[in-house]
Amino acid sequence: MNSAHRKVLAAIFARPTRSDIRWRDIEGLVVALGGEVMERAGSRIAMVLNGVVAVFHRPHPAPTTKKGAVDAVRQFLSNAEIGP
């Protein structure tokens, strides 16, 4: 995990919840942590990390992630035993 990934991880766990995190940076973080990102139907993707599976909708048309999705990603990473 490089410094950019560490910054994204810190942004995900920051309080108050941020809404300026780029979705592709979140996907890159999951891959850097050894996880997998799989395409699903429509704008859905599945993320698998440490045996934990979560399905998310890619944000569009804006590239940034809304606060609710950041909260869901935070919960996913916590369940996968990943933290800042």
N, C-alpha and C. Protein backbone atom coordinates (compact mmCIF):
# COMPACT_ATOMS: atom_id res chain seq x y z
N MET A 1 0.86 -1.17 0.00
CA MET A 1 0.00 0.00 0.00
C MET A 1 0.90 1.23 0.00
N ASN A 2 0.68 2.11 -0.96
CA ASN A 2 1.51 3.31 -1.05
C ASN A 2 0.87 4.48 -0.28
N SER A 3 1.51 5.62 -0.32
CA SER A 3 1.03 6.77 0.46
C SER A 3 -0.34 7.27 -0.03
N ALA A 4 -0.61 7.18 -1.33
CA ALA A 4 -1.91 7.59 -1.85
C ALA A 4 -3.02 6.70 -1.28
N HIS A 5 -2.75 5.39 -1.20
CA HIS A 5 -3.73 4.48 -0.63
C HIS A 5 -3.96 4.77 0.85
N ARG A 6 -2.89 5.09 1.57
CA ARG A 6 -3.03 5.43 2.99
C ARG A 6 -3.88 6.69 3.18
N LYS A 7 -3.72 7.65 2.27
CA LYS A 7 -4.53 8.88 2.35
C LYS A 7 -6.01 8.58 2.10
N VAL A 8 -6.30 7.71 1.15
CA VAL A 8 -7.69 7.34 0.87
C VAL A 8 -8.28 6.61 2.08
N LEU A 9 -7.51 5.71 2.67
CA LEU A 9 -7.98 4.98 3.85
C LEU A 9 -8.27 5.94 5.00
N ALA A 10 -7.39 6.90 5.22
CA ALA A 10 -7.61 7.90 6.27
C ALA A 10 -8.85 8.74 5.96
N ALA A 11 -9.06 9.08 4.69
CA ALA A 11 -10.24 9.88 4.30
C ALA A 11 -11.53 9.10 4.54
N ILE A 12 -11.50 7.81 4.28
CA ILE A 12 -12.70 6.98 4.49
C ILE A 12 -13.07 6.93 5.97
N PHE A 13 -12.08 6.85 6.85
CA PHE A 13 -12.34 6.74 8.28
C PHE A 13 -12.42 8.10 8.98
N ALA A 14 -12.25 9.20 8.23
CA ALA A 14 -12.30 10.55 8.83
C ALA A 14 -13.71 10.87 9.30
N ARG A 15 -13.78 11.63 10.37
CA ARG A 15 -15.06 12.14 10.88
C ARG A 15 -14.98 13.65 10.91
N PRO A 16 -15.96 14.39 10.48
CA PRO A 16 -17.20 13.91 9.87
C PRO A 16 -16.93 13.26 8.51
N THR A 17 -17.89 12.46 8.08
CA THR A 17 -17.76 11.72 6.82
C THR A 17 -17.56 12.68 5.66
N ARG A 18 -16.55 12.37 4.85
CA ARG A 18 -16.24 13.22 3.69
C ARG A 18 -17.05 12.80 2.47
N SER A 19 -17.26 13.74 1.58
CA SER A 19 -17.99 13.46 0.34
C SER A 19 -17.16 13.85 -0.89
N ASP A 20 -15.84 13.89 -0.73
CA ASP A 20 -14.98 14.29 -1.85
C ASP A 20 -13.99 13.19 -2.25
N ILE A 21 -14.29 11.96 -1.89
CA ILE A 21 -13.40 10.83 -2.21
C ILE A 21 -13.80 10.28 -3.58
N ARG A 22 -12.82 10.14 -4.44
CA ARG A 22 -13.09 9.60 -5.78
C ARG A 22 -13.30 8.09 -5.69
N TRP A 23 -14.35 7.61 -6.35
CA TRP A 23 -14.69 6.19 -6.27
C TRP A 23 -13.57 5.30 -6.80
N ARG A 24 -12.91 5.70 -7.86
CA ARG A 24 -11.83 4.87 -8.41
C ARG A 24 -10.68 4.74 -7.42
N ASP A 25 -10.49 5.74 -6.54
CA ASP A 25 -9.47 5.65 -5.50
C ASP A 25 -9.85 4.60 -4.46
N ILE A 26 -11.14 4.49 -4.17
CA ILE A 26 -11.61 3.46 -3.23
C ILE A 26 -11.40 2.07 -3.84
N GLU A 27 -11.73 1.91 -5.11
CA GLU A 27 -11.50 0.63 -5.78
C GLU A 27 -10.02 0.29 -5.79
N GLY A 28 -9.16 1.26 -6.06
CA GLY A 28 -7.72 1.04 -6.05
C GLY A 28 -7.21 0.63 -4.68
N LEU A 29 -7.78 1.22 -3.63
CA LEU A 29 -7.40 0.85 -2.27
C LEU A 29 -7.74 -0.60 -1.99
N VAL A 30 -8.93 -1.03 -2.36
CA VAL A 30 -9.34 -2.42 -2.11
C VAL A 30 -8.41 -3.38 -2.82
N VAL A 31 -8.06 -3.08 -4.05
CA VAL A 31 -7.14 -3.93 -4.81
C VAL A 31 -5.75 -3.93 -4.16
N ALA A 32 -5.29 -2.78 -3.70
CA ALA A 32 -3.98 -2.68 -3.06
C ALA A 32 -3.94 -3.47 -1.74
N LEU A 33 -5.09 -3.60 -1.10
CA LEU A 33 -5.16 -4.36 0.16
C LEU A 33 -5.27 -5.86 -0.09
N GLY A 34 -5.30 -6.25 -1.36
CA GLY A 34 -5.37 -7.67 -1.70
C GLY A 34 -6.77 -8.13 -2.02
N GLY A 35 -7.69 -7.20 -2.16
CA GLY A 35 -9.08 -7.54 -2.47
C GLY A 35 -9.32 -7.62 -3.96
N GLU A 36 -10.56 -7.87 -4.28
CA GLU A 36 -10.96 -8.02 -5.67
C GLU A 36 -12.18 -7.15 -5.93
N VAL A 37 -12.23 -6.52 -7.10
CA VAL A 37 -13.37 -5.72 -7.53
C VAL A 37 -13.93 -6.37 -8.78
N MET A 38 -15.22 -6.76 -8.72
CA MET A 38 -15.84 -7.46 -9.84
C MET A 38 -17.04 -6.68 -10.35
N GLU A 39 -17.15 -6.61 -11.68
CA GLU A 39 -18.28 -5.93 -12.31
C GLU A 39 -19.54 -6.77 -12.13
N ARG A 40 -20.65 -6.08 -11.86
CA ARG A 40 -21.95 -6.73 -11.76
C ARG A 40 -22.87 -6.06 -12.78
N ALA A 41 -24.15 -6.29 -12.67
CA ALA A 41 -25.12 -5.71 -13.61
C ALA A 41 -25.22 -4.20 -13.41
N GLY A 42 -25.37 -3.48 -14.50
CA GLY A 42 -25.52 -2.03 -14.43
C GLY A 42 -24.29 -1.37 -13.85
N SER A 43 -24.51 -0.49 -12.88
CA SER A 43 -23.39 0.22 -12.27
C SER A 43 -22.95 -0.43 -10.96
N ARG A 44 -23.41 -1.65 -10.72
CA ARG A 44 -23.04 -2.34 -9.49
C ARG A 44 -21.68 -3.00 -9.62
N ILE A 45 -20.98 -3.04 -8.49
CA ILE A 45 -19.72 -3.78 -8.40
C ILE A 45 -19.73 -4.55 -7.10
N ALA A 46 -19.03 -5.67 -7.08
CA ALA A 46 -18.86 -6.44 -5.86
C ALA A 46 -17.40 -6.30 -5.44
N MET A 47 -17.19 -6.11 -4.15
CA MET A 47 -15.85 -6.06 -3.60
C MET A 47 -15.70 -7.21 -2.63
N VAL A 48 -14.57 -7.90 -2.72
CA VAL A 48 -14.27 -9.01 -1.82
C VAL A 48 -12.93 -8.71 -1.17
N LEU A 49 -12.91 -8.74 0.16
CA LEU A 49 -11.68 -8.47 0.90
C LEU A 49 -11.70 -9.29 2.18
N ASN A 50 -10.69 -10.13 2.36
CA ASN A 50 -10.57 -10.99 3.54
C ASN A 50 -11.84 -11.82 3.77
N GLY A 51 -12.43 -12.31 2.69
CA GLY A 51 -13.62 -13.14 2.78
C GLY A 51 -14.92 -12.39 2.98
N VAL A 52 -14.87 -11.08 3.07
CA VAL A 52 -16.06 -10.25 3.23
C VAL A 52 -16.46 -9.72 1.86
N VAL A 53 -17.75 -9.86 1.53
CA VAL A 53 -18.26 -9.43 0.23
C VAL A 53 -19.25 -8.29 0.44
N ALA A 54 -19.15 -7.27 -0.40
CA ALA A 54 -20.09 -6.16 -0.38
C ALA A 54 -20.38 -5.74 -1.81
N VAL A 55 -21.61 -5.32 -2.06
CA VAL A 55 -22.01 -4.84 -3.38
C VAL A 55 -22.34 -3.36 -3.27
N PHE A 56 -21.78 -2.58 -4.17
CA PHE A 56 -21.97 -1.13 -4.18
C PHE A 56 -22.40 -0.69 -5.56
N HIS A 57 -22.96 0.50 -5.64
CA HIS A 57 -23.25 1.15 -6.92
C HIS A 57 -22.16 2.17 -7.16
N ARG A 58 -21.57 2.11 -8.36
CA ARG A 58 -20.60 3.14 -8.74
C ARG A 58 -21.34 4.47 -8.90
N PRO A 59 -20.81 5.53 -8.33
CA PRO A 59 -21.48 6.82 -8.51
C PRO A 59 -21.33 7.32 -9.95
N HIS A 60 -22.39 7.94 -10.44
CA HIS A 60 -22.33 8.54 -11.76
C HIS A 60 -23.39 9.61 -11.82
N PRO A 61 -23.28 10.65 -12.54
CA PRO A 61 -22.18 10.95 -13.45
C PRO A 61 -20.96 11.54 -12.74
N ALA A 62 -21.12 12.00 -11.49
CA ALA A 62 -19.98 12.58 -10.77
C ALA A 62 -19.05 11.47 -10.29
N PRO A 63 -17.75 11.71 -10.27
CA PRO A 63 -16.80 10.68 -9.86
C PRO A 63 -16.63 10.57 -8.34
N THR A 64 -17.21 11.49 -7.58
CA THR A 64 -17.02 11.47 -6.13
C THR A 64 -18.10 10.64 -5.45
N THR A 65 -17.76 10.15 -4.28
CA THR A 65 -18.62 9.24 -3.52
C THR A 65 -19.44 10.02 -2.50
N LYS A 66 -20.72 9.72 -2.43
CA LYS A 66 -21.59 10.39 -1.46
C LYS A 66 -21.31 9.85 -0.05
N LYS A 67 -21.72 10.63 0.95
CA LYS A 67 -21.43 10.29 2.33
C LYS A 67 -21.98 8.93 2.74
N GLY A 68 -23.19 8.60 2.29
CA GLY A 68 -23.77 7.30 2.64
C GLY A 68 -22.95 6.14 2.10
N ALA A 69 -22.42 6.30 0.90
CA ALA A 69 -21.58 5.26 0.31
C ALA A 69 -20.25 5.16 1.03
N VAL A 70 -19.71 6.31 1.45
CA VAL A 70 -18.45 6.30 2.21
C VAL A 70 -18.68 5.57 3.54
N ASP A 71 -19.82 5.81 4.19
CA ASP A 71 -20.14 5.09 5.42
C ASP A 71 -20.22 3.59 5.18
N ALA A 72 -20.82 3.18 4.05
CA ALA A 72 -20.93 1.76 3.72
C ALA A 72 -19.57 1.15 3.44
N VAL A 73 -18.70 1.88 2.77
CA VAL A 73 -17.34 1.39 2.50
C VAL A 73 -16.57 1.27 3.82
N ARG A 74 -16.74 2.25 4.71
CA ARG A 74 -16.09 2.20 6.03
C ARG A 74 -16.52 0.93 6.77
N GLN A 75 -17.82 0.64 6.75
CA GLN A 75 -18.33 -0.57 7.42
C GLN A 75 -17.77 -1.83 6.78
N PHE A 76 -17.71 -1.85 5.44
CA PHE A 76 -17.13 -2.99 4.73
C PHE A 76 -15.68 -3.21 5.13
N LEU A 77 -14.88 -2.15 5.17
CA LEU A 77 -13.47 -2.27 5.55
C LEU A 77 -13.34 -2.71 7.00
N SER A 78 -14.21 -2.21 7.86
CA SER A 78 -14.17 -2.62 9.28
C SER A 78 -14.50 -4.10 9.42
N ASN A 79 -15.51 -4.55 8.68
CA ASN A 79 -15.87 -5.97 8.72
C ASN A 79 -14.75 -6.85 8.18
N ALA A 80 -13.97 -6.32 7.24
CA ALA A 80 -12.83 -7.04 6.67
C ALA A 80 -11.58 -6.86 7.55
N GLU A 81 -11.76 -6.21 8.70
CA GLU A 81 -10.69 -6.00 9.67
C GLU A 81 -9.57 -5.13 9.13
N ILE A 82 -9.97 -4.07 8.42
CA ILE A 82 -9.03 -3.08 7.90
C ILE A 82 -9.37 -1.76 8.57
N GLY A 83 -8.38 -1.04 9.03
CA GLY A 83 -8.63 0.25 9.66
C GLY A 83 -7.48 1.20 9.41
N PRO A 84 -7.64 2.44 9.86
CA PRO A 84 -6.60 3.44 9.58
C PRO A 84 -5.29 3.16 10.29
